[in-house]
Protein backbone atom coordinates (compact mmCIF):
# COMPACT_ATOMS: atom_id res chain seq x y z
CA ALA A 1 -28.56 17.26 -7.66
CA GLY A 2 -27.01 16.54 -10.98
CA GLU A 3 -23.80 16.69 -12.91
CA LEU A 4 -22.56 19.67 -14.88
CA THR A 5 -21.05 19.46 -18.31
CA GLU A 6 -17.60 20.89 -19.03
CA ASP A 7 -19.12 23.99 -20.65
CA GLU A 8 -21.33 24.66 -17.62
CA VAL A 9 -18.38 24.25 -15.25
CA GLU A 10 -16.30 26.70 -17.31
CA ARG A 11 -19.18 29.20 -17.34
CA VAL A 12 -19.56 29.00 -13.55
CA ILE A 13 -15.81 29.52 -13.09
CA THR A 14 -15.77 32.58 -15.37
CA ILE A 15 -18.77 34.08 -13.56
CA MET A 16 -17.05 33.52 -10.20
CA GLN A 17 -13.85 35.17 -11.43
CA ASN A 18 -15.58 38.18 -13.05
CA PRO A 19 -18.93 38.66 -11.29
CA ARG A 20 -19.27 42.39 -12.12
CA GLN A 21 -19.33 41.63 -15.86
CA TYR A 22 -22.35 39.37 -15.33
CA LYS A 23 -24.31 42.03 -13.38
CA ILE A 24 -23.84 40.40 -9.97
CA PRO A 25 -24.63 43.16 -7.40
CA ASP A 26 -21.94 44.57 -5.11
CA TRP A 27 -23.60 43.27 -1.95
CA PHE A 28 -23.14 39.72 -3.24
CA LEU A 29 -19.33 39.96 -3.41
CA ASN A 30 -17.14 38.66 -0.59
CA ARG A 31 -14.70 41.60 -0.54
CA GLN A 32 -16.66 44.81 -0.14
CA LYS A 33 -14.90 48.16 0.19
CA ASP A 34 -11.37 46.82 0.47
CA VAL A 35 -9.33 48.70 3.08
CA LYS A 36 -6.40 49.47 0.77
CA ASP A 37 -8.10 50.48 -2.48
CA GLY A 38 -11.79 50.85 -1.53
CA LYS A 39 -12.98 48.62 -4.38
CA TYR A 40 -15.50 45.81 -4.48
CA SER A 41 -14.11 42.45 -5.62
CA GLN A 42 -14.59 38.71 -5.44
CA VAL A 43 -11.64 36.85 -3.91
CA LEU A 44 -11.26 33.12 -4.55
CA ALA A 45 -9.53 30.17 -2.85
CA ASN A 46 -6.04 30.95 -1.50
CA GLY A 47 -6.51 34.66 -2.05
CA LEU A 48 -9.40 34.65 0.40
CA ASP A 49 -7.25 33.01 3.09
CA ASN A 50 -4.49 35.55 2.49
CA LYS A 51 -6.86 38.52 2.65
CA LEU A 52 -8.43 37.27 5.88
CA ARG A 53 -5.00 36.77 7.45
CA GLU A 54 -3.91 40.25 6.33
CA ASP A 55 -7.05 41.79 7.82
CA LEU A 56 -6.50 40.08 11.16
CA GLU A 57 -2.83 41.10 11.21
CA ARG A 58 -3.81 44.70 10.46
CA LEU A 59 -6.36 44.70 13.31
CA LYS A 60 -3.76 43.27 15.69
CA LYS A 61 -1.13 45.77 14.55
CA ILE A 62 -3.34 48.82 15.15
CA ARG A 63 -4.39 47.31 18.50
CA ALA A 64 -8.09 47.39 17.64
CA HIS A 65 -10.50 45.71 20.03
CA ARG A 66 -11.41 43.04 17.46
CA GLY A 67 -7.75 42.35 16.76
CA LEU A 68 -6.92 41.94 20.43
CA ARG A 69 -9.83 39.54 20.96
CA HIS A 70 -8.63 37.50 17.98
CA PHE A 71 -5.14 37.48 19.46
CA TRP A 72 -6.43 36.32 22.85
CA GLY A 73 -8.64 33.64 21.28
CA LEU A 74 -11.87 35.10 22.67
CA ARG A 75 -15.24 35.71 21.04
CA VAL A 76 -15.16 38.75 18.78
CA ARG A 77 -18.76 39.53 17.86
CA GLY A 78 -20.23 40.41 21.24
CA GLN A 79 -21.28 36.97 22.43
CA HIS A 80 -21.44 36.14 26.11
CA THR A 81 -18.38 34.27 27.38
CA LYS A 82 -19.23 33.42 30.98
CA THR A 83 -20.64 29.95 30.39
CA THR A 84 -20.60 29.12 26.68
CA GLY A 85 -17.67 28.44 24.42
CA ARG A 86 -15.43 27.02 27.10
CA ARG A 87 -12.53 25.06 25.78
CA GLY A 88 -9.15 24.06 27.06
CA ARG A 89 -8.36 22.58 30.45
CA THR A 90 -11.32 21.72 32.65
CA VAL A 91 -11.23 22.97 36.21
CA GLY A 92 -13.07 20.81 38.72
CA VAL A 93 -14.56 21.83 42.03
CA SER A 94 -13.19 20.11 45.13
CA LYS A 95 -15.67 19.07 47.80
CA LYS A 96 -15.21 20.19 51.43
CA LYS A 97 -14.59 17.43 53.98
């Protein structure tokens, strides 16, 4: 752990904004094969939030399974849901008299 100089910070920022110019491979980018234009790109900060929201809205609009599970607030990636990940109101069991 150390501190970066102003020049080093600027260099890191430029590499993050233009990773393809610095020979960063495509698999390292966070936006691979964009749905609209099919290009590889690196999305930063607020743009990443917007892209994620757009993707979820598109999945919900076309009624895809993933989109519906996002809409219902359930697990999306195939996890079991019977016992784990319970949240919300707890339901107790009443004892027989």
